[in-house]
N, C-alpha and C. Protein backbone atom coordinates (compact mmCIF):
# COMPACT_ATOMS: atom_id res chain seq x y z
N MET A 1 -25.08 -3.79 16.88
CA MET A 1 -24.43 -4.08 15.58
C MET A 1 -22.86 -3.74 15.82
N SER A 2 -22.08 -4.64 15.41
CA SER A 2 -20.71 -4.45 15.44
C SER A 2 -20.14 -3.34 14.44
N GLN A 3 -18.92 -2.80 14.81
CA GLN A 3 -18.25 -1.84 13.86
C GLN A 3 -17.73 -2.67 12.76
N PRO A 4 -17.74 -2.03 11.60
CA PRO A 4 -17.21 -2.70 10.28
C PRO A 4 -15.72 -2.91 10.52
N LEU A 5 -15.14 -3.98 9.87
CA LEU A 5 -13.71 -4.25 10.09
C LEU A 5 -12.89 -3.37 9.19
N PRO A 6 -11.87 -2.85 9.69
CA PRO A 6 -10.98 -1.92 8.86
C PRO A 6 -10.18 -2.80 7.91
N ASP A 7 -9.95 -2.30 6.75
CA ASP A 7 -9.25 -3.05 5.69
C ASP A 7 -7.90 -2.69 5.93
N HIS A 8 -7.03 -3.49 6.57
CA HIS A 8 -5.55 -3.25 6.81
C HIS A 8 -4.69 -3.30 5.55
N TYR A 9 -5.19 -4.12 4.52
CA TYR A 9 -4.55 -4.30 3.26
C TYR A 9 -4.48 -3.00 2.54
N ARG A 10 -5.88 -2.32 2.48
CA ARG A 10 -5.87 -1.02 1.80
C ARG A 10 -5.19 0.07 2.71
N THR A 11 -5.16 -0.02 3.94
CA THR A 11 -4.31 0.92 4.73
C THR A 11 -2.87 0.94 4.29
N LEU A 12 -2.45 -0.23 4.13
CA LEU A 12 -0.98 -0.33 3.83
C LEU A 12 -0.85 -0.31 2.25
N GLY A 13 -1.92 -0.46 1.49
CA GLY A 13 -1.57 -0.28 -0.03
C GLY A 13 -1.07 -1.47 -0.70
N VAL A 14 -1.42 -2.70 -0.08
CA VAL A 14 -1.02 -3.94 -0.52
C VAL A 14 -2.24 -4.74 -0.96
N HIS A 15 -1.88 -5.86 -1.96
CA HIS A 15 -2.77 -6.87 -2.31
C HIS A 15 -2.91 -7.75 -0.91
N PRO A 16 -4.11 -8.45 -0.80
CA PRO A 16 -4.23 -9.25 0.29
C PRO A 16 -3.44 -10.48 0.34
N LYS A 17 -3.02 -10.96 -0.94
CA LYS A 17 -2.06 -12.04 -1.11
C LYS A 17 -0.50 -11.68 -1.05
N ALA A 18 -0.25 -10.38 -0.69
CA ALA A 18 1.07 -9.92 -0.73
C ALA A 18 1.96 -10.56 0.29
N SER A 19 3.17 -10.78 -0.05
CA SER A 19 4.15 -11.42 0.86
C SER A 19 4.51 -10.53 2.07
N TYR A 20 5.18 -11.09 2.90
CA TYR A 20 5.68 -10.31 4.24
C TYR A 20 6.65 -9.23 3.60
N PRO A 21 7.60 -9.45 2.61
CA PRO A 21 8.47 -8.20 2.41
C PRO A 21 7.93 -7.26 1.69
N VAL A 22 6.83 -7.45 0.97
CA VAL A 22 6.06 -6.54 0.21
C VAL A 22 5.18 -5.59 1.26
N ILE A 23 4.68 -6.27 2.23
CA ILE A 23 3.94 -5.64 3.32
C ILE A 23 4.77 -4.78 4.13
N HIS A 24 6.06 -5.26 4.40
CA HIS A 24 7.05 -4.52 5.37
C HIS A 24 7.39 -3.35 4.52
N ALA A 25 7.69 -3.42 3.17
CA ALA A 25 8.14 -2.36 2.27
C ALA A 25 7.17 -1.42 2.32
N ALA A 26 5.93 -1.61 2.21
CA ALA A 26 4.67 -0.80 2.14
C ALA A 26 4.51 0.03 3.54
N TYR A 27 4.88 -0.70 4.51
CA TYR A 27 4.58 -0.19 5.76
C TYR A 27 5.74 0.99 6.01
N ARG A 28 6.90 0.67 5.68
CA ARG A 28 8.10 1.58 5.79
C ARG A 28 7.88 2.80 5.01
N ASP A 29 7.31 2.60 3.68
CA ASP A 29 7.12 3.72 2.84
C ASP A 29 6.03 4.55 3.28
N ARG A 30 4.91 4.12 3.92
CA ARG A 30 3.79 4.90 4.24
C ARG A 30 4.17 5.41 5.47
N ALA A 31 4.99 4.70 6.31
CA ALA A 31 5.28 5.47 7.87
C ALA A 31 6.24 6.49 7.51
N ARG A 32 6.94 6.78 6.55
CA ARG A 32 7.75 7.86 6.18
C ARG A 32 6.95 9.16 5.92
N LEU A 33 5.95 8.77 5.30
CA LEU A 33 4.85 9.84 4.74
C LEU A 33 3.91 10.33 5.88
N LEU A 34 3.49 9.28 6.64
CA LEU A 34 2.30 9.56 7.75
C LEU A 34 2.96 9.86 9.04
N HIS A 35 4.18 9.81 9.31
CA HIS A 35 4.87 10.09 10.55
C HIS A 35 4.28 11.48 11.08
N PRO A 36 3.77 11.51 12.43
CA PRO A 36 3.26 12.69 12.92
C PRO A 36 4.16 14.00 12.72
N ASP A 37 5.42 13.75 12.75
CA ASP A 37 6.55 14.73 12.55
C ASP A 37 6.36 15.35 11.23
N ILE A 38 5.90 14.40 10.17
CA ILE A 38 5.90 14.95 8.93
C ILE A 38 4.36 15.65 8.58
N SER A 39 3.54 14.70 8.97
CA SER A 39 2.21 15.20 8.66
C SER A 39 1.35 16.03 9.60
N GLY A 40 1.84 15.99 10.86
CA GLY A 40 1.30 16.98 11.77
C GLY A 40 0.09 16.32 12.57
N ASP A 41 -0.28 15.00 12.17
CA ASP A 41 -1.65 14.36 12.75
C ASP A 41 -1.08 12.98 12.95
N ASP A 42 -1.49 12.41 14.18
CA ASP A 42 -1.13 11.01 14.42
C ASP A 42 -2.19 10.02 14.09
N THR A 43 -3.26 10.40 13.52
CA THR A 43 -4.42 9.50 13.43
C THR A 43 -4.04 8.49 12.24
N ALA A 44 -3.57 8.96 11.20
CA ALA A 44 -3.42 7.92 10.06
C ALA A 44 -2.19 6.98 10.47
N MET A 45 -1.21 7.62 11.12
CA MET A 45 -0.10 6.69 11.66
C MET A 45 -0.62 5.64 12.49
N LYS A 46 -1.49 5.96 13.52
CA LYS A 46 -2.11 4.97 14.46
C LYS A 46 -2.76 3.88 13.64
N GLN A 47 -3.41 4.24 12.55
CA GLN A 47 -4.23 3.34 11.68
C GLN A 47 -3.14 2.42 11.02
N LEU A 48 -2.09 2.94 10.51
CA LEU A 48 -1.07 2.34 9.74
C LEU A 48 -0.29 1.35 10.86
N ASN A 49 0.04 1.74 11.89
CA ASN A 49 0.58 0.85 13.05
C ASN A 49 -0.33 -0.23 13.42
N ILE A 50 -1.53 -0.07 13.45
CA ILE A 50 -2.62 -1.23 13.79
C ILE A 50 -2.58 -2.16 12.62
N ALA A 51 -2.50 -1.69 11.34
CA ALA A 51 -2.56 -2.58 10.22
C ALA A 51 -1.28 -3.33 10.16
N TRP A 52 -0.24 -2.64 10.43
CA TRP A 52 1.12 -3.41 10.43
C TRP A 52 1.30 -4.40 11.49
N ASP A 53 0.86 -4.06 12.78
CA ASP A 53 0.97 -4.95 13.80
C ASP A 53 0.14 -6.28 13.49
N THR A 54 -1.06 -6.03 12.86
CA THR A 54 -1.95 -7.30 12.53
C THR A 54 -1.35 -8.11 11.46
N LEU A 55 -0.85 -7.48 10.32
CA LEU A 55 -0.45 -8.26 9.14
C LEU A 55 1.00 -8.59 9.24
N ARG A 56 1.68 -8.23 10.10
CA ARG A 56 3.20 -8.70 10.23
C ARG A 56 3.55 -10.06 10.73
N ASP A 57 2.38 -10.55 11.72
CA ASP A 57 2.61 -11.68 12.45
C ASP A 57 1.73 -12.54 11.63
N PRO A 58 2.20 -13.89 11.29
CA PRO A 58 1.34 -14.82 10.44
C PRO A 58 0.24 -15.36 11.17
N HIS A 59 0.17 -15.41 12.55
CA HIS A 59 -0.96 -15.97 13.20
C HIS A 59 -2.00 -14.89 13.25
N ARG A 60 -1.70 -13.68 13.63
CA ARG A 60 -2.71 -12.56 13.59
C ARG A 60 -3.24 -12.36 12.30
N ARG A 61 -2.30 -12.33 11.16
CA ARG A 61 -2.88 -12.17 9.90
C ARG A 61 -3.89 -13.24 9.39
N ALA A 62 -3.54 -14.39 9.71
CA ALA A 62 -4.40 -15.50 9.46
C ALA A 62 -5.76 -15.25 10.20
N ALA A 63 -5.87 -14.94 11.46
CA ALA A 63 -6.95 -14.69 12.03
C ALA A 63 -7.81 -13.51 11.42
N TYR A 64 -7.04 -12.38 11.08
CA TYR A 64 -7.49 -11.21 10.51
C TYR A 64 -8.38 -11.74 9.25
N ASP A 65 -7.60 -12.32 8.51
CA ASP A 65 -8.04 -13.01 7.08
C ASP A 65 -9.46 -13.74 7.29
N ARG A 66 -9.47 -14.51 8.28
CA ARG A 66 -10.65 -15.30 8.60
C ARG A 66 -11.75 -14.43 9.05
N GLU A 67 -11.42 -13.36 9.80
CA GLU A 67 -12.54 -12.47 10.42
C GLU A 67 -12.85 -11.59 9.17
N ARG A 68 -12.00 -11.27 8.33
CA ARG A 68 -12.29 -10.47 7.15
C ARG A 68 -13.32 -11.16 6.10
N LEU A 69 -12.92 -12.47 6.06
CA LEU A 69 -13.79 -13.30 5.18
C LEU A 69 -15.30 -13.29 5.61
N LEU A 70 -15.35 -13.60 7.01
CA LEU A 70 -16.92 -13.54 7.70
C LEU A 70 -17.51 -12.24 7.55
N ALA A 71 -16.64 -11.20 7.80
CA ALA A 71 -17.26 -9.82 7.60
C ALA A 71 -17.79 -9.46 6.46
N SER A 72 -17.06 -9.99 5.32
CA SER A 72 -17.33 -9.71 4.00
C SER A 72 -18.75 -10.12 3.65
N GLU A 73 -19.14 -11.33 4.32
CA GLU A 73 -20.52 -11.95 4.31
C GLU A 73 -21.66 -11.11 4.86
N HIS A 74 -21.32 -10.42 5.93
CA HIS A 74 -22.22 -9.79 6.64
C HIS A 74 -22.30 -8.23 6.66
N GLU A 75 -21.09 -7.63 6.77
CA GLU A 75 -21.00 -6.17 6.85
C GLU A 75 -20.11 -5.57 5.80
N PRO A 76 -20.13 -4.30 5.61
CA PRO A 76 -19.27 -3.64 4.61
C PRO A 76 -17.84 -3.57 5.39
N VAL A 77 -16.76 -3.47 4.44
CA VAL A 77 -15.43 -3.36 5.01
C VAL A 77 -15.15 -1.89 4.88
N VAL A 78 -14.52 -1.31 6.00
CA VAL A 78 -14.17 0.11 6.14
C VAL A 78 -13.01 0.37 5.21
N VAL A 79 -13.08 1.17 4.33
CA VAL A 79 -12.04 1.73 3.35
C VAL A 79 -11.68 3.02 3.68
N ALA A 80 -10.33 3.14 4.05
CA ALA A 80 -9.80 4.51 4.22
C ALA A 80 -9.57 5.24 2.88
N GLU A 81 -10.16 6.50 2.95
CA GLU A 81 -10.03 7.36 1.82
C GLU A 81 -8.54 7.99 1.73
N ALA A 82 -7.87 7.98 0.55
CA ALA A 82 -6.74 8.76 0.23
C ALA A 82 -6.93 10.15 0.21
N PRO A 83 -6.00 11.10 0.73
CA PRO A 83 -6.13 12.40 0.68
C PRO A 83 -6.05 12.82 -0.78
N HIS A 84 -6.75 13.96 -1.07
CA HIS A 84 -6.90 14.42 -2.56
C HIS A 84 -5.49 15.14 -2.72
N VAL A 85 -4.99 14.65 -3.87
CA VAL A 85 -3.69 15.34 -4.36
C VAL A 85 -3.75 15.85 -5.70
N THR A 86 -2.78 16.81 -5.99
CA THR A 86 -2.72 17.38 -7.60
C THR A 86 -1.61 16.31 -8.34
N VAL A 87 -2.13 16.01 -9.28
CA VAL A 87 -1.07 15.04 -10.14
C VAL A 87 -0.58 15.79 -11.39
N ALA A 88 0.57 15.01 -11.72
CA ALA A 88 1.45 15.53 -12.99
C ALA A 88 0.45 15.73 -14.22
N PRO A 89 0.83 16.62 -15.02
CA PRO A 89 0.07 16.83 -16.25
C PRO A 89 0.09 15.61 -17.19
N ASP A 90 1.25 14.68 -17.13
CA ASP A 90 1.26 13.50 -17.89
C ASP A 90 0.86 12.22 -17.16
N HIS A 91 0.05 12.53 -16.14
CA HIS A 91 -0.48 11.35 -15.38
C HIS A 91 -0.98 10.28 -16.08
N ALA A 92 -0.80 8.92 -15.53
CA ALA A 92 -1.22 8.00 -16.23
C ALA A 92 -2.72 7.52 -16.13
N GLY A 93 -3.41 8.38 -15.26
CA GLY A 93 -4.71 8.22 -14.93
C GLY A 93 -5.02 7.34 -13.75
N PRO A 94 -6.09 6.80 -13.45
CA PRO A 94 -6.54 6.13 -12.09
C PRO A 94 -5.77 4.79 -12.21
N PRO A 95 -5.32 4.31 -10.96
CA PRO A 95 -4.81 2.93 -11.04
C PRO A 95 -5.76 2.02 -11.40
N PRO A 96 -5.28 0.93 -12.06
CA PRO A 96 -6.08 -0.26 -12.51
C PRO A 96 -6.89 -1.12 -11.39
N GLY A 97 -6.23 -0.94 -10.22
CA GLY A 97 -6.89 -1.73 -9.17
C GLY A 97 -6.06 -2.95 -8.64
N ARG A 98 -6.38 -3.76 -7.66
CA ARG A 98 -5.57 -4.71 -7.05
C ARG A 98 -4.12 -4.22 -6.77
N PRO A 99 -4.16 -2.99 -5.97
CA PRO A 99 -2.77 -2.74 -5.55
C PRO A 99 -1.86 -3.56 -4.74
N PHE A 100 -0.74 -3.71 -4.90
CA PHE A 100 0.26 -4.34 -3.93
C PHE A 100 1.70 -3.61 -3.95
N GLY A 101 2.28 -3.51 -2.73
CA GLY A 101 3.60 -2.75 -2.65
C GLY A 101 3.35 -1.24 -2.31
N PRO A 102 4.34 -0.63 -2.33
CA PRO A 102 4.13 0.88 -1.81
C PRO A 102 3.52 1.54 -2.83
N ILE A 103 2.73 2.66 -2.54
CA ILE A 103 2.09 3.62 -3.32
C ILE A 103 3.15 4.91 -3.86
N MET A 104 3.13 5.06 -5.15
CA MET A 104 3.80 6.10 -5.51
C MET A 104 3.26 7.45 -5.21
N THR A 105 4.09 8.41 -4.56
CA THR A 105 3.54 9.62 -4.38
C THR A 105 3.90 10.90 -5.00
N TYR A 106 4.57 10.61 -6.17
CA TYR A 106 4.85 11.53 -7.19
C TYR A 106 4.89 10.89 -8.48
N GLY A 107 5.02 11.99 -9.58
CA GLY A 107 5.39 11.52 -10.90
C GLY A 107 4.06 11.08 -11.63
N ARG A 108 4.43 10.38 -12.84
CA ARG A 108 3.35 10.02 -13.69
C ARG A 108 2.48 8.83 -13.33
N TYR A 109 2.98 7.98 -12.32
CA TYR A 109 2.24 6.93 -11.67
C TYR A 109 1.81 7.30 -10.22
N GLN A 110 1.64 8.47 -9.88
CA GLN A 110 1.30 8.95 -8.55
C GLN A 110 -0.02 8.33 -8.32
N GLY A 111 0.06 7.73 -6.95
CA GLY A 111 -1.38 7.05 -6.53
C GLY A 111 -1.39 5.48 -6.82
N TRP A 112 -0.72 5.09 -7.79
CA TRP A 112 -0.49 3.73 -8.22
C TRP A 112 0.53 2.95 -7.29
N SER A 113 0.27 1.75 -7.14
CA SER A 113 1.16 0.78 -6.33
C SER A 113 2.34 0.39 -7.31
N LEU A 114 3.45 0.02 -6.61
CA LEU A 114 4.42 -0.33 -7.46
C LEU A 114 4.02 -1.80 -8.25
N GLY A 115 3.23 -2.59 -7.58
CA GLY A 115 2.75 -3.73 -8.24
C GLY A 115 1.99 -3.38 -9.45
N GLU A 116 0.96 -2.40 -9.27
CA GLU A 116 0.23 -1.94 -10.59
C GLU A 116 1.01 -1.33 -11.57
N ILE A 117 2.04 -0.77 -11.28
CA ILE A 117 3.04 -0.22 -12.43
C ILE A 117 3.73 -1.39 -12.93
N ALA A 118 4.20 -2.34 -12.19
CA ALA A 118 5.11 -3.39 -12.62
C ALA A 118 4.22 -4.33 -13.74
N GLN A 119 2.93 -4.43 -13.37
CA GLN A 119 1.98 -4.97 -14.43
C GLN A 119 1.83 -4.22 -15.56
N HIS A 120 1.71 -2.92 -15.28
CA HIS A 120 1.26 -2.03 -16.55
C HIS A 120 2.39 -1.67 -17.41
N ASP A 121 3.52 -1.34 -16.66
CA ASP A 121 4.82 -0.65 -17.40
C ASP A 121 5.93 -1.03 -16.61
N PRO A 122 6.39 -2.29 -16.70
CA PRO A 122 7.54 -2.78 -16.04
C PRO A 122 8.80 -1.97 -16.39
N GLY A 123 8.74 -1.59 -17.70
CA GLY A 123 10.04 -0.90 -18.24
C GLY A 123 10.30 0.30 -17.40
N TRP A 124 9.18 1.16 -17.21
CA TRP A 124 9.26 2.42 -16.56
C TRP A 124 9.77 2.10 -15.05
N LEU A 125 9.25 0.97 -14.44
CA LEU A 125 9.68 0.80 -13.09
C LEU A 125 11.22 0.42 -13.05
N ARG A 126 11.75 -0.24 -14.05
CA ARG A 126 13.21 -0.61 -14.04
C ARG A 126 13.93 0.48 -14.20
N TRP A 127 13.37 1.52 -15.08
CA TRP A 127 14.15 2.81 -15.18
C TRP A 127 14.17 3.56 -13.83
N LEU A 128 13.01 3.64 -13.27
CA LEU A 128 12.83 4.22 -11.92
C LEU A 128 13.87 3.81 -10.90
N ARG A 129 14.03 2.49 -10.87
CA ARG A 129 14.95 1.92 -9.98
C ARG A 129 16.30 2.41 -10.19
N ARG A 130 16.85 2.73 -11.44
CA ARG A 130 18.17 3.11 -11.89
C ARG A 130 18.43 4.57 -11.61
N VAL A 131 17.40 5.59 -11.68
CA VAL A 131 17.66 6.95 -11.64
C VAL A 131 17.65 7.33 -10.09
N PRO A 132 18.33 8.41 -9.91
CA PRO A 132 18.57 8.95 -8.49
C PRO A 132 16.99 9.22 -7.68
N ALA A 133 16.24 9.60 -8.51
CA ALA A 133 14.81 9.79 -7.82
C ALA A 133 14.07 8.50 -7.33
N GLY A 134 14.50 7.55 -7.85
CA GLY A 134 13.80 6.12 -7.52
C GLY A 134 14.83 5.01 -6.81
N ARG A 135 15.90 5.40 -6.69
CA ARG A 135 16.94 4.57 -5.99
C ARG A 135 16.54 4.05 -4.70
N HIS A 136 15.88 5.03 -3.91
CA HIS A 136 15.33 4.71 -2.58
C HIS A 136 14.31 3.67 -2.51
N LEU A 137 13.71 3.36 -3.68
CA LEU A 137 12.63 2.45 -3.92
C LEU A 137 13.09 1.06 -4.39
N ALA A 138 14.49 0.97 -4.57
CA ALA A 138 15.17 -0.38 -5.18
C ALA A 138 14.69 -1.56 -4.57
N ARG A 139 14.73 -1.63 -3.22
CA ARG A 139 14.34 -2.95 -2.55
C ARG A 139 12.88 -3.17 -2.72
N ASP A 140 12.08 -2.04 -2.64
CA ASP A 140 10.60 -2.23 -2.77
C ASP A 140 10.19 -2.85 -4.21
N ILE A 141 11.00 -2.20 -5.23
CA ILE A 141 10.76 -2.61 -6.73
C ILE A 141 11.29 -4.05 -6.83
N ASP A 142 12.29 -4.53 -6.30
CA ASP A 142 12.80 -5.83 -6.45
C ASP A 142 11.80 -6.79 -5.80
N ALA A 143 11.27 -6.45 -4.66
CA ALA A 143 10.27 -7.23 -3.93
C ALA A 143 9.12 -7.26 -4.76
N VAL A 144 8.63 -6.35 -5.45
CA VAL A 144 7.40 -6.45 -6.15
C VAL A 144 7.71 -7.21 -7.49
N PHE A 145 8.84 -7.15 -8.11
CA PHE A 145 9.12 -7.94 -9.25
C PHE A 145 9.23 -9.50 -8.75
N ALA A 146 9.78 -9.60 -7.67
CA ALA A 146 9.81 -11.10 -7.08
C ALA A 146 8.46 -11.78 -6.99
N GLU A 147 7.46 -11.02 -6.63
CA GLU A 147 6.07 -11.42 -6.47
C GLU A 147 5.44 -11.72 -7.65
N LEU A 148 5.78 -11.09 -8.80
CA LEU A 148 5.13 -11.37 -10.18
C LEU A 148 5.51 -12.75 -10.65
């Protein structure tokens, strides 16, 4: 029996139909968090790099999507588990699903993707883009709104 196919989209925290800019932004965001100099472990960064290498190239991505479709008919897809984190007291709850774009690592929408926030609370995301705590996400937020 072959090994289950890893879910590169989940590894990057993006929707399977996400555009290249959204995938690239998600990779950069996750790489900052998972870099071995920060996390102390290179396992997650290796998985992230494999996912990025596959999804950044249109031909490799198309081949992966075909393989993923075939695998979904025969075997389960491997889903990486997110580490357990403590959330803010005013947390919005679990994400609604269908993530795309970088995942928030702090605040009310911790654990939600920018795409999920844009669909649920676009005003909050526009506010985040303007305040100092969120300005580093401005390009990612713009890319997510361009996808909607």
